Amino acid sequence: MQMVNKVDKNELKISSNPFLRWVLIISGFLLTGIGIAGMFLPLLPTTIFLLLAAWCFARSSEKFYKWLHSNKLFGKYLSDYSSGRGMTKKSKMFSISFLWAGILFSMFYATEILYVRILLLVIAIGVTWHLLAIKTADQQ
């Protein structure tokens, strides 16, 4: 696991209140777990939960903040997204393909309710639009 060498000291604002730090650390791990689940569940977003987890860790623990940004599974994605570097084409294609596979499966095998199917379709279109709107980063 590669550690983040430079920590943005402007982003880190560790609370001096021990109780608040523990609340933020626990919240950070819960949000990270929800974000990871969102990688596999089409209706659950990933990015917002990871960004919220990063915010919690930036106010509670430099160690966990570094861990989140250097994590092998989502650290590069989170760092690139939060810094404005964007997503690679490969990452966009994978995300959109995985999204549509999950949405289509849900639409045709998980529900027979028409308005739920329409809602799933609208969500898929919105998330696809968002992913395509993100800056495309160079392959690294």
C-alpha atoms as a PDB file:
ATOM      1  CA  MET A   1       0.000   0.000   0.000  1.00  0.00           C
ATOM      2  CA  GLN A   2       1.456   3.302  -1.092  1.00  0.00           C
ATOM      3  CA  MET A   3       1.102   6.076   1.452  1.00  0.00           C
ATOM      4  CA  VAL A   4       0.126   9.612   0.550  1.00  0.00           C
ATOM      5  CA  ASN A   5       3.365  11.537   0.895  1.00  0.00           C
ATOM      6  CA  LYS A   6       1.944  15.026   0.895  1.00  0.00           C
ATOM      7  CA  VAL A   7      -1.069  15.760   3.020  1.00  0.00           C
ATOM      8  CA  ASP A   8      -2.961  18.932   2.231  1.00  0.00           C
ATOM      9  CA  LYS A   9      -2.555  20.702   5.579  1.00  0.00           C
ATOM     10  CA  ASN A  10      -5.358  23.099   4.568  1.00  0.00           C
ATOM     11  CA  GLU A  11      -7.765  20.173   4.373  1.00  0.00           C
ATOM     12  CA  LEU A  12      -6.675  18.599   7.662  1.00  0.00           C
ATOM     13  CA  LYS A  13      -8.335  20.289  10.611  1.00  0.00           C
ATOM     14  CA  ILE A  14      -8.080  17.747  13.425  1.00  0.00           C
ATOM     15  CA  SER A  15     -10.528  18.450  16.234  1.00  0.00           C
ATOM     16  CA  SER A  16      -9.130  18.850  19.734  1.00  0.00           C
ATOM     17  CA  ASN A  17     -12.315  17.373  21.254  1.00  0.00           C
ATOM     18  CA  PRO A  18     -11.673  13.623  21.872  1.00  0.00           C
ATOM     19  CA  PHE A  19     -15.380  12.720  21.830  1.00  0.00           C
ATOM     20  CA  LEU A  20     -15.920  14.512  18.507  1.00  0.00           C
ATOM     21  CA  ARG A  21     -12.827  12.833  17.061  1.00  0.00           C
ATOM     22  CA  TRP A  22     -14.216   9.381  17.933  1.00  0.00           C
ATOM     23  CA  VAL A  23     -17.617  10.261  16.469  1.00  0.00           C
ATOM     24  CA  LEU A  24     -15.910  11.421  13.261  1.00  0.00           C
ATOM     25  CA  ILE A  25     -13.663   8.335  13.073  1.00  0.00           C
ATOM     26  CA  ILE A  26     -16.635   5.992  13.508  1.00  0.00           C
ATOM     27  CA  SER A  27     -18.637   8.024  10.981  1.00  0.00           C
ATOM     28  CA  GLY A  28     -15.694   7.921   8.568  1.00  0.00           C
ATOM     29  CA  PHE A  29     -15.538   4.134   8.691  1.00  0.00           C
ATOM     30  CA  LEU A  30     -19.325   3.784   8.344  1.00  0.00           C
ATOM     31  CA  LEU A  31     -19.290   6.121   5.335  1.00  0.00           C
ATOM     32  CA  THR A  32     -16.350   4.218   3.845  1.00  0.00           C
ATOM     33  CA  GLY A  33     -18.295   0.959   4.228  1.00  0.00           C
ATOM     34  CA  ILE A  34     -21.351   2.466   2.538  1.00  0.00           C
ATOM     35  CA  GLY A  35     -19.114   3.806  -0.238  1.00  0.00           C
ATOM     36  CA  ILE A  36     -17.595   0.363  -0.780  1.00  0.00           C
ATOM     37  CA  ALA A  37     -21.080  -1.180  -0.869  1.00  0.00           C
ATOM     38  CA  GLY A  38     -21.964   1.449  -3.482  1.00  0.00           C
ATOM     39  CA  MET A  39     -19.284   0.011  -5.747  1.00  0.00           C
ATOM     40  CA  PHE A  40     -21.416  -3.112  -6.047  1.00  0.00           C
ATOM     41  CA  LEU A  41     -24.980  -1.836  -5.582  1.00  0.00           C
ATOM     42  CA  PRO A  42     -26.212   0.211  -8.531  1.00  0.00           C
ATOM     43  CA  LEU A  43     -28.512   2.564  -6.612  1.00  0.00           C
ATOM     44  CA  LEU A  44     -26.013   3.402  -3.884  1.00  0.00           C
ATOM     45  CA  PRO A  45     -23.524   6.117  -4.846  1.00  0.00           C
ATOM     46  CA  THR A  46     -19.858   5.608  -4.070  1.00  0.00           C
ATOM     47  CA  THR A  47     -18.164   8.949  -4.528  1.00  0.00           C
ATOM     48  CA  ILE A  48     -20.216  11.060  -2.152  1.00  0.00           C
ATOM     49  CA  PHE A  49     -19.780   8.601   0.710  1.00  0.00           C
ATOM     50  CA  LEU A  50     -16.022   8.369   0.167  1.00  0.00           C
ATOM     51  CA  LEU A  51     -15.768  12.162   0.019  1.00  0.00           C
ATOM     52  CA  LEU A  52     -17.759  12.442   3.258  1.00  0.00           C
ATOM     53  CA  ALA A  53     -15.529   9.797   4.858  1.00  0.00           C
ATOM     54  CA  ALA A  54     -12.461  11.782   3.774  1.00  0.00           C
ATOM     55  CA  TRP A  55     -13.986  14.904   5.349  1.00  0.00           C
ATOM     56  CA  CYS A  56     -14.596  13.013   8.630  1.00  0.00           C
ATOM     57  CA  PHE A  57     -11.057  11.643   8.675  1.00  0.00           C
ATOM     58  CA  ALA A  58      -9.591  15.061   7.794  1.00  0.00           C
ATOM     59  CA  ARG A  59     -11.140  16.337  11.034  1.00  0.00           C
ATOM     60  CA  SER A  60     -10.324  13.363  13.213  1.00  0.00           C
ATOM     61  CA  SER A  61      -7.246  11.398  12.116  1.00  0.00           C
ATOM     62  CA  GLU A  62      -4.389  12.142   9.738  1.00  0.00           C
ATOM     63  CA  LYS A  63      -3.551   8.416   9.774  1.00  0.00           C
ATOM     64  CA  PHE A  64      -7.011   7.359   8.528  1.00  0.00           C
ATOM     65  CA  TYR A  65      -7.132  10.255   6.072  1.00  0.00           C
ATOM     66  CA  LYS A  66      -3.860   9.016   4.530  1.00  0.00           C
ATOM     67  CA  TRP A  67      -5.145   5.425   4.578  1.00  0.00           C
ATOM     68  CA  LEU A  68      -8.317   6.406   2.717  1.00  0.00           C
ATOM     69  CA  HIS A  69      -6.416   8.307   0.017  1.00  0.00           C
ATOM     70  CA  SER A  70      -3.790   5.596  -0.411  1.00  0.00           C
ATOM     71  CA  ASN A  71      -6.112   2.588  -0.274  1.00  0.00           C
ATOM     72  CA  LYS A  72      -5.441   0.136  -3.107  1.00  0.00           C
ATOM     73  CA  LEU A  73      -9.138  -0.296  -3.929  1.00  0.00           C
ATOM     74  CA  PHE A  74     -10.346   3.309  -4.111  1.00  0.00           C
ATOM     75  CA  GLY A  75      -7.544   5.650  -3.006  1.00  0.00           C
ATOM     76  CA  LYS A  76      -6.440   6.749  -6.472  1.00  0.00           C
ATOM     77  CA  TYR A  77     -10.045   7.211  -7.596  1.00  0.00           C
ATOM     78  CA  LEU A  78     -10.829   9.321  -4.532  1.00  0.00           C
ATOM     79  CA  SER A  79      -7.660  11.405  -4.807  1.00  0.00           C
ATOM     80  CA  ASP A  80      -8.106  11.999  -8.533  1.00  0.00           C
ATOM     81  CA  TYR A  81     -11.768  12.914  -8.122  1.00  0.00           C
ATOM     82  CA  SER A  82     -11.285  15.234  -5.153  1.00  0.00           C
ATOM     83  CA  SER A  83      -8.279  16.970  -6.721  1.00  0.00           C
ATOM     84  CA  GLY A  84     -10.116  17.578 -10.005  1.00  0.00           C
ATOM     85  CA  ARG A  85      -7.848  15.336 -12.117  1.00  0.00           C
ATOM     86  CA  GLY A  86     -10.884  13.319 -13.217  1.00  0.00           C
ATOM     87  CA  MET A  87     -11.333   9.679 -14.209  1.00  0.00           C
ATOM     88  CA  THR A  88      -9.558   7.634 -16.862  1.00  0.00           C
ATOM     89  CA  LYS A  89     -11.522   6.414 -19.897  1.00  0.00           C
ATOM     90  CA  LYS A  90     -11.078   2.867 -18.692  1.00  0.00           C
ATOM     91  CA  SER A  91     -12.482   3.754 -15.271  1.00  0.00           C
ATOM     92  CA  LYS A  92     -15.437   5.584 -16.825  1.00  0.00           C
ATOM     93  CA  MET A  93     -16.202   2.681 -19.166  1.00  0.00           C
ATOM     94  CA  PHE A  94     -16.025   0.169 -16.309  1.00  0.00           C
ATOM     95  CA  SER A  95     -18.227   2.307 -14.045  1.00  0.00           C
ATOM     96  CA  ILE A  96     -20.851   2.933 -16.713  1.00  0.00           C
ATOM     97  CA  SER A  97     -20.902  -0.723 -17.813  1.00  0.00           C
ATOM     98  CA  PHE A  98     -21.212  -1.948 -14.235  1.00  0.00           C
ATOM     99  CA  LEU A  99     -23.913   0.647 -13.524  1.00  0.00           C
ATOM    100  CA  TRP A 100     -26.023  -0.347 -16.532  1.00  0.00           C
ATOM    101  CA  ALA A 101     -25.594  -4.076 -15.880  1.00  0.00           C
ATOM    102  CA  GLY A 102     -26.871  -3.607 -12.341  1.00  0.00           C
ATOM    103  CA  ILE A 103     -29.686  -1.267 -13.344  1.00  0.00           C
ATOM    104  CA  LEU A 104     -30.899  -3.496 -16.173  1.00  0.00           C
ATOM    105  CA  PHE A 105     -30.762  -6.549 -13.924  1.00  0.00           C
ATOM    106  CA  SER A 106     -32.760  -4.670 -11.293  1.00  0.00           C
ATOM    107  CA  MET A 107     -35.272  -3.388 -13.836  1.00  0.00           C
ATOM    108  CA  PHE A 108     -36.064  -6.757 -15.366  1.00  0.00           C
ATOM    109  CA  TYR A 109     -35.405  -9.271 -12.591  1.00  0.00           C
ATOM    110  CA  ALA A 110     -35.805  -7.447  -9.276  1.00  0.00           C
ATOM    111  CA  THR A 111     -39.010  -5.488  -9.824  1.00  0.00           C
ATOM    112  CA  GLU A 112     -42.157  -5.592 -11.895  1.00  0.00           C
ATOM    113  CA  ILE A 113     -43.393  -2.161 -10.765  1.00  0.00           C
ATOM    114  CA  LEU A 114     -43.387   0.223 -13.715  1.00  0.00           C
ATOM    115  CA  TYR A 115     -42.625   3.423 -11.809  1.00  0.00           C
ATOM    116  CA  VAL A 116     -39.674   1.740 -10.052  1.00  0.00           C
ATOM    117  CA  ARG A 117     -38.331   0.668 -13.450  1.00  0.00           C
ATOM    118  CA  ILE A 118     -38.727   4.226 -14.735  1.00  0.00           C
ATOM    119  CA  LEU A 119     -36.987   5.588 -11.633  1.00  0.00           C
ATOM    120  CA  LEU A 120     -34.102   3.139 -12.135  1.00  0.00           C
ATOM    121  CA  LEU A 121     -33.788   4.228 -15.756  1.00  0.00           C
ATOM    122  CA  VAL A 122     -33.758   7.919 -14.782  1.00  0.00           C
ATOM    123  CA  ILE A 123     -31.100   7.236 -12.129  1.00  0.00           C
ATOM    124  CA  ALA A 124     -28.957   5.318 -14.627  1.00  0.00           C
ATOM    125  CA  ILE A 125     -29.185   8.151 -17.142  1.00  0.00           C
ATOM    126  CA  GLY A 126     -28.329  10.740 -14.486  1.00  0.00           C
ATOM    127  CA  VAL A 127     -25.338   8.830 -13.145  1.00  0.00           C
ATOM    128  CA  THR A 128     -24.105   8.122 -16.680  1.00  0.00           C
ATOM    129  CA  TRP A 129     -24.378  11.820 -17.500  1.00  0.00           C
ATOM    130  CA  HIS A 130     -22.464  12.692 -14.328  1.00  0.00           C
ATOM    131  CA  LEU A 131     -19.697  10.195 -15.104  1.00  0.00           C
ATOM    132  CA  LEU A 132     -19.371  11.445 -18.679  1.00  0.00           C
ATOM    133  CA  ALA A 133     -19.237  15.050 -17.425  1.00  0.00           C
ATOM    134  CA  ILE A 134     -16.250  14.318 -15.173  1.00  0.00           C
ATOM    135  CA  LYS A 135     -12.955  15.381 -16.681  1.00  0.00           C
ATOM    136  CA  THR A 136     -11.214  12.526 -18.496  1.00  0.00           C
ATOM    137  CA  ALA A 137      -7.745  11.987 -17.048  1.00  0.00           C
ATOM    138  CA  ASP A 138      -4.780  10.539 -18.899  1.00  0.00           C
ATOM    139  CA  GLN A 139      -4.121   6.789 -18.509  1.00  0.00           C
ATOM    140  CA  GLN A 140      -1.400   6.219 -15.939  1.00  0.00           C
END
